[in-house]
Protein backbone atom coordinates (compact mmCIF):
# COMPACT_ATOMS: atom_id res chain seq x y z
CA MET A 1 144.23 59.65 -50.72
CA LYS A 2 143.73 61.62 -53.91
CA SER A 3 146.13 64.51 -54.43
CA ASP A 4 143.33 67.08 -54.53
CA LYS A 5 142.01 66.02 -51.13
CA LEU A 6 145.51 65.88 -49.69
CA ASN A 7 146.33 69.36 -50.96
CA ALA A 8 143.10 70.63 -49.41
CA LEU A 9 144.08 69.12 -46.05
CA LEU A 10 147.58 70.56 -46.23
CA ALA A 11 146.09 73.97 -46.95
CA LEU A 12 144.23 73.76 -43.64
CA LEU A 13 147.32 73.17 -41.54
CA ASP A 14 147.38 76.82 -40.51
CA ASP A 15 143.71 76.94 -39.47
CA PRO A 16 143.60 78.55 -36.00
CA ASP A 17 140.49 76.58 -35.02
CA PRO A 18 141.65 73.53 -32.98
CA ALA A 19 138.54 71.59 -33.98
CA VAL A 20 139.32 72.01 -37.67
CA PHE A 21 142.93 70.98 -37.21
CA GLU A 22 141.85 67.94 -35.18
CA LEU A 23 139.87 66.70 -38.19
CA VAL A 24 142.77 67.44 -40.53
CA GLU A 25 145.19 65.67 -38.23
CA LYS A 26 142.99 62.57 -38.02
CA GLU A 27 142.77 62.32 -41.81
CA ILE A 28 146.51 62.74 -42.33
CA LEU A 29 147.46 60.23 -39.63
CA GLU A 30 145.45 57.56 -41.41
CA GLU A 31 147.63 57.91 -44.50
CA ASP A 32 150.59 55.79 -45.57
CA PRO A 33 154.00 56.95 -44.20
CA ILE A 34 154.93 57.98 -47.76
CA ILE A 35 152.96 61.17 -47.06
CA ILE A 36 155.92 62.32 -44.95
CA ASN A 37 157.72 63.44 -48.12
CA GLN A 38 154.94 65.89 -48.92
CA LEU A 39 154.73 67.11 -45.36
CA GLU A 40 158.45 67.82 -45.39
CA GLN A 41 158.09 69.78 -48.64
CA VAL A 42 155.38 71.94 -47.07
CA TRP A 43 157.55 72.46 -43.98
CA GLU A 44 160.52 73.56 -46.10
CA THR A 45 158.51 76.10 -48.10
CA SER A 46 156.52 77.54 -45.19
CA LEU A 47 157.59 80.38 -42.94
CA ASP A 48 154.61 79.92 -40.64
CA GLU A 49 155.77 78.64 -37.25
CA LEU A 50 152.36 77.13 -36.49
CA ILE A 51 152.40 75.10 -39.70
CA GLN A 52 155.98 73.97 -39.09
CA SER A 53 155.21 72.94 -35.52
CA ARG A 54 152.12 71.00 -36.54
CA ILE A 55 153.96 69.26 -39.38
CA GLU A 56 156.79 68.24 -37.05
CA ASN A 57 154.29 66.68 -34.65
CA LEU A 58 152.44 64.95 -37.49
CA ILE A 59 155.64 63.45 -38.87
CA GLN A 60 156.64 62.18 -35.43
CA GLN A 61 153.23 60.56 -34.92
CA ILE A 62 153.25 58.96 -38.37
CA GLN A 63 156.73 57.55 -37.81
CA TYR A 64 155.81 56.30 -34.35
CA ASN A 65 152.65 54.60 -35.61
CA ASP A 66 154.55 53.01 -38.47
CA THR A 67 157.22 51.64 -36.12
CA LYS A 68 154.55 50.37 -33.74
CA ILE A 69 152.81 48.49 -36.55
CA LYS A 70 156.09 46.95 -37.68
CA ILE A 71 156.99 45.87 -34.14
CA GLN A 72 153.57 44.30 -33.74
CA SER A 73 154.08 42.40 -36.99
CA TRP A 74 157.57 41.32 -35.88
CA ALA A 75 156.33 40.12 -32.50
CA GLY A 76 153.58 38.11 -34.16
CA GLN A 77 156.02 35.92 -36.07
CA LYS A 78 156.55 32.38 -34.83
CA GLN A 79 160.29 32.77 -35.10
CA VAL A 80 161.53 36.35 -34.94
CA ASP A 81 164.58 37.88 -36.57
CA LEU A 82 166.99 39.27 -33.98
CA PHE A 83 168.44 41.97 -36.21
CA GLU A 84 165.00 43.18 -37.28
CA GLY A 85 163.82 43.45 -33.68
CA PHE A 86 166.87 45.50 -32.63
CA PHE A 87 166.62 47.66 -35.74
CA LEU A 88 162.94 48.44 -35.16
CA LEU A 89 163.57 49.54 -31.57
CA THR A 90 166.36 51.79 -32.83
CA ARG A 91 164.06 53.15 -35.52
CA TYR A 92 161.84 54.58 -32.77
CA GLN A 93 164.51 57.16 -31.95
CA TYR A 94 166.12 57.30 -35.40
CA PRO A 95 163.27 56.89 -37.91
CA ASP A 96 165.41 57.86 -40.91
CA LEU A 97 168.02 55.20 -40.18
CA LYS A 98 168.91 53.12 -43.23
CA LEU A 99 168.81 49.35 -42.77
CA LYS A 100 171.49 48.79 -45.42
CA THR A 101 173.91 51.12 -43.63
CA ILE A 102 173.61 49.19 -40.37
CA LYS A 103 173.85 45.79 -42.04
CA ASN A 104 177.01 46.85 -43.86
CA LYS A 105 178.67 47.80 -40.57
CA ILE A 106 177.86 44.42 -39.05
CA ARG A 107 179.07 42.61 -42.17
CA LYS A 108 182.32 44.58 -42.13
CA ILE A 109 183.11 43.36 -38.61
CA SER A 110 182.10 39.77 -39.39
CA SER A 111 184.24 39.93 -42.53
CA ASP A 112 187.27 40.93 -40.47
CA VAL A 113 186.67 37.92 -38.23
CA TRP A 114 186.16 35.60 -41.21
CA LEU A 115 189.55 36.58 -42.63
CA GLU A 116 191.23 35.20 -39.51
CA ILE A 117 189.43 31.88 -39.14
CA SER A 118 189.51 28.57 -40.98
CA ASN A 119 187.54 25.33 -40.89
CA LYS A 120 190.43 23.70 -39.07
CA LEU A 121 189.82 25.77 -35.96
CA THR A 122 187.82 24.34 -33.09
CA SER A 123 184.70 26.08 -31.81
CA LEU A 124 186.68 27.54 -28.91
CA GLU A 125 189.38 28.81 -31.24
CA LYS A 126 186.81 30.47 -33.50
CA ILE A 127 185.31 32.30 -30.53
CA THR A 128 188.81 33.36 -29.45
CA VAL A 129 189.31 34.97 -32.86
CA LEU A 130 185.90 36.66 -32.65
CA ASN A 131 186.74 38.00 -29.21
CA HIS A 132 190.03 39.40 -30.44
CA VAL A 133 188.42 41.28 -33.32
CA PHE A 134 185.34 42.41 -31.37
CA TYR A 135 187.01 43.52 -28.14
CA ASP A 136 190.64 44.21 -29.03
CA ALA A 137 190.46 45.46 -32.61
CA TYR A 138 187.07 47.22 -32.53
CA LYS A 139 187.15 48.01 -28.79
CA PHE A 140 183.54 47.13 -27.97
CA SER A 141 182.85 47.39 -24.25
CA ILE A 142 180.23 48.12 -21.59
CA ASN A 143 179.60 51.84 -21.14
CA LEU A 144 180.54 51.94 -17.47
CA SER A 145 180.70 55.74 -17.39
CA ASN A 146 177.01 56.06 -18.30
CA VAL A 147 175.34 52.69 -17.84
CA LEU A 148 171.79 54.08 -17.80
CA SER A 149 172.07 56.15 -20.98
CA PRO A 150 169.26 55.33 -23.45
CA GLN A 151 171.85 55.53 -26.24
CA ASN A 152 173.25 52.23 -24.99
CA CYS A 153 170.08 50.57 -26.30
CA TYR A 154 170.20 51.81 -29.89
CA LEU A 155 171.92 49.68 -32.52
CA ASN A 156 173.38 52.53 -34.55
CA GLN A 157 174.83 54.17 -31.45
CA VAL A 158 176.42 50.96 -30.20
CA LEU A 159 178.03 50.38 -33.60
CA GLU A 160 179.25 53.97 -33.79
CA THR A 161 180.55 54.47 -30.24
CA LYS A 162 181.47 50.81 -29.57
CA LYS A 163 179.74 51.27 -26.20
CA GLY A 164 176.57 49.70 -24.88
CA ASN A 165 174.98 47.91 -21.95
CA SER A 166 175.21 44.19 -21.21
CA ILE A 167 172.17 43.43 -23.37
CA SER A 168 172.99 45.50 -26.45
CA ILE A 169 176.63 44.37 -26.50
CA ALA A 170 175.47 40.75 -26.27
CA ILE A 171 173.07 41.25 -29.18
CA VAL A 172 175.65 42.91 -31.43
CA TYR A 173 178.16 40.17 -30.54
CA SER A 174 175.55 37.55 -31.44
CA LEU A 175 174.63 39.24 -34.73
CA ILE A 176 178.25 39.17 -35.83
CA ALA A 177 178.72 35.56 -34.70
CA ARG A 178 175.58 34.40 -36.50
CA GLU A 179 176.68 36.22 -39.65
CA LEU A 180 179.65 33.85 -39.52
CA GLY A 181 177.44 30.82 -38.98
CA PHE A 182 178.34 30.29 -35.32
CA PRO A 183 175.43 28.52 -33.53
CA LEU A 184 174.99 30.94 -30.64
CA TYR A 185 171.77 31.23 -28.61
CA PHE A 186 170.87 33.53 -25.75
CA ILE A 187 170.74 32.42 -22.14
CA ASP A 188 168.40 34.51 -20.02
CA PHE A 189 170.81 34.48 -17.10
CA PRO A 190 170.24 36.89 -14.19
CA LYS A 191 172.30 40.11 -14.10
CA ASN A 192 173.36 39.93 -17.73
CA PRO A 193 172.62 37.72 -20.74
CA LEU A 194 175.02 34.97 -21.73
CA LEU A 195 175.39 33.11 -25.00
CA ALA A 196 175.46 29.35 -25.45
CA TYR A 197 177.54 27.72 -28.16
CA VAL A 198 175.63 24.57 -29.07
CA ASP A 199 176.48 21.45 -30.99
CA GLU A 200 176.45 22.51 -34.65
CA ASP A 201 174.97 19.36 -36.18
CA ILE A 202 172.00 19.16 -33.83
CA ALA A 203 171.53 22.93 -33.83
CA LYS A 204 170.69 22.83 -37.54
CA LYS A 205 167.67 20.68 -36.72
CA ALA A 206 166.37 23.03 -34.04
CA HIS A 207 163.26 25.05 -34.85
CA GLY A 208 161.33 27.58 -32.75
CA LYS A 209 161.48 26.56 -29.11
CA ASP A 210 163.17 23.22 -29.76
CA TYR A 211 166.56 23.94 -28.23
CA SER A 212 167.51 20.34 -27.43
CA SER A 213 171.07 20.83 -28.63
CA PRO A 214 173.73 20.24 -25.99
CA VAL A 215 175.59 23.37 -24.94
CA LEU A 216 179.30 23.03 -25.57
CA PHE A 217 180.20 26.11 -23.54
CA TYR A 218 178.89 29.51 -22.48
CA ILE A 219 180.14 32.98 -23.43
CA ASN A 220 179.91 36.16 -21.37
CA PRO A 221 179.82 39.14 -23.79
CA SER A 222 179.95 41.54 -20.84
CA ASN A 223 183.38 40.20 -19.86
CA LYS A 224 185.23 40.33 -23.17
CA GLY A 225 183.69 37.08 -24.35
CA ALA A 226 184.99 35.00 -21.45
CA ILE A 227 184.32 31.28 -21.85
CA ILE A 228 182.34 29.69 -19.02
CA GLY A 229 181.62 26.04 -18.27
CA ARG A 230 178.37 24.63 -16.90
CA ARG A 231 179.80 23.90 -13.45
CA GLU A 232 181.21 27.41 -13.10
CA LEU A 233 177.84 28.82 -14.06
CA GLU A 234 176.05 26.65 -11.51
CA ARG A 235 178.45 27.68 -8.75
CA PHE A 236 177.83 31.35 -9.54
CA ALA A 237 174.07 30.85 -9.56
CA ASN A 238 174.10 28.97 -6.26
CA LYS A 239 176.38 31.51 -4.61
CA HIS A 240 174.10 34.38 -5.58
CA GLU A 241 170.89 32.41 -5.05
CA GLN A 242 169.94 32.86 -8.68
CA ASN A 243 168.37 29.45 -9.26
CA ARG A 244 164.81 29.55 -10.52
CA LYS A 245 162.17 26.96 -11.31
CA ASP A 246 162.73 27.38 -15.01
CA ASN A 247 166.02 26.35 -16.54
CA ILE A 248 168.42 29.28 -16.60
CA TYR A 249 171.10 27.27 -18.37
CA GLU A 250 169.24 26.52 -21.59
CA PRO A 251 168.82 28.80 -24.65
CA CYS A 252 165.79 31.05 -24.90
CA GLU A 253 164.06 32.68 -27.85
CA ASP A 254 165.49 35.85 -29.34
CA ARG A 255 162.26 37.72 -28.55
CA VAL A 256 163.09 37.32 -24.84
CA ILE A 257 166.34 39.24 -25.16
CA VAL A 258 164.78 41.96 -27.34
CA LYS A 259 162.08 42.42 -24.71
CA LYS A 260 164.73 42.75 -21.99
CA LEU A 261 166.47 45.41 -24.09
CA LEU A 262 163.20 47.31 -24.44
CA GLU A 263 162.57 47.07 -20.69
CA ASN A 264 166.04 48.46 -20.11
CA LEU A 265 165.34 51.33 -22.52
CA VAL A 266 162.06 52.18 -20.78
CA GLU A 267 163.82 52.23 -17.41
CA SER A 268 166.62 54.44 -18.77
CA TYR A 269 164.11 57.05 -19.95
CA ARG A 270 162.19 56.79 -16.68
CA VAL A 271 165.35 57.53 -14.69
CA ILE A 272 166.10 60.69 -16.67
CA GLY A 273 162.48 61.82 -16.56
CA TYR A 274 161.43 61.41 -20.21
CA GLU A 275 157.90 60.29 -19.39
CA ASP A 276 156.62 60.78 -22.95
CA LYS A 277 159.13 58.23 -24.20
CA VAL A 278 158.34 55.92 -21.30
CA THR A 279 154.70 56.01 -22.39
CA ASP A 280 155.56 55.42 -26.06
CA LEU A 281 157.90 52.51 -25.41
CA SER A 282 155.65 50.93 -22.80
CA LYS A 283 153.09 50.51 -25.59
CA PHE A 284 155.73 48.58 -27.54
CA LEU A 285 156.27 46.35 -24.52
CA GLN A 286 152.60 45.43 -24.50
CA LEU A 287 153.03 44.10 -28.04
CA LEU A 288 155.79 41.73 -26.98
């Protein structure tokens, strides 16, 4: 949009006629998110409460629409990026969040793990080191005091408070492990997600849905990274009647776990009565 036309629209933000503002709003919402900078400048220099209120709503809508478009693009990829999916969901609540800041925090933790491992260690020993750093040194844990808090579902909050739910903790654990090159894949196990450590050589050949790699062992991020064998997992599933027609012991795509996190977030907001956010996030779910 040319600057002259934009300035004319911004000048109409205080028009008391709802019909006029509706037209102005429609034009502005069709603009690139970069327009937010100009809207913020107008907000800062205006003392008119109507203008400030309208600008705040416009900025929120622009940011929401931008996040929605990015999530749609992410979901449309054949093989999605786990970090990007988690970051985009977090961006819904924290639109000004800097990607570099979050990545640096994850790399700092993975770096601390890397300093304590060597190529001589077995896969089990490497996971033991990761567990020590993640749970003992950094104190990550399930937020048992407020399990249904929406904050448990946001990446920046989990990294800051070291608290989350079973899904978000599993994702952060996985992000750190993958940063180190550990071949971990999600298991869509009932109750809470598990991680499968697969054979490294065959894992490198896996693409998309081809998860033919044998699982060496399973990891439960909700229980301080406890190592679980296949038989133990089967006994638990049989005891709790959790067997399903599909295979609950084999790795699933990352998009599955991101969708479960989003479903959890929607339910958290529904429980506390934030219906506007339930509506917003339910639209994201439809894209996945």
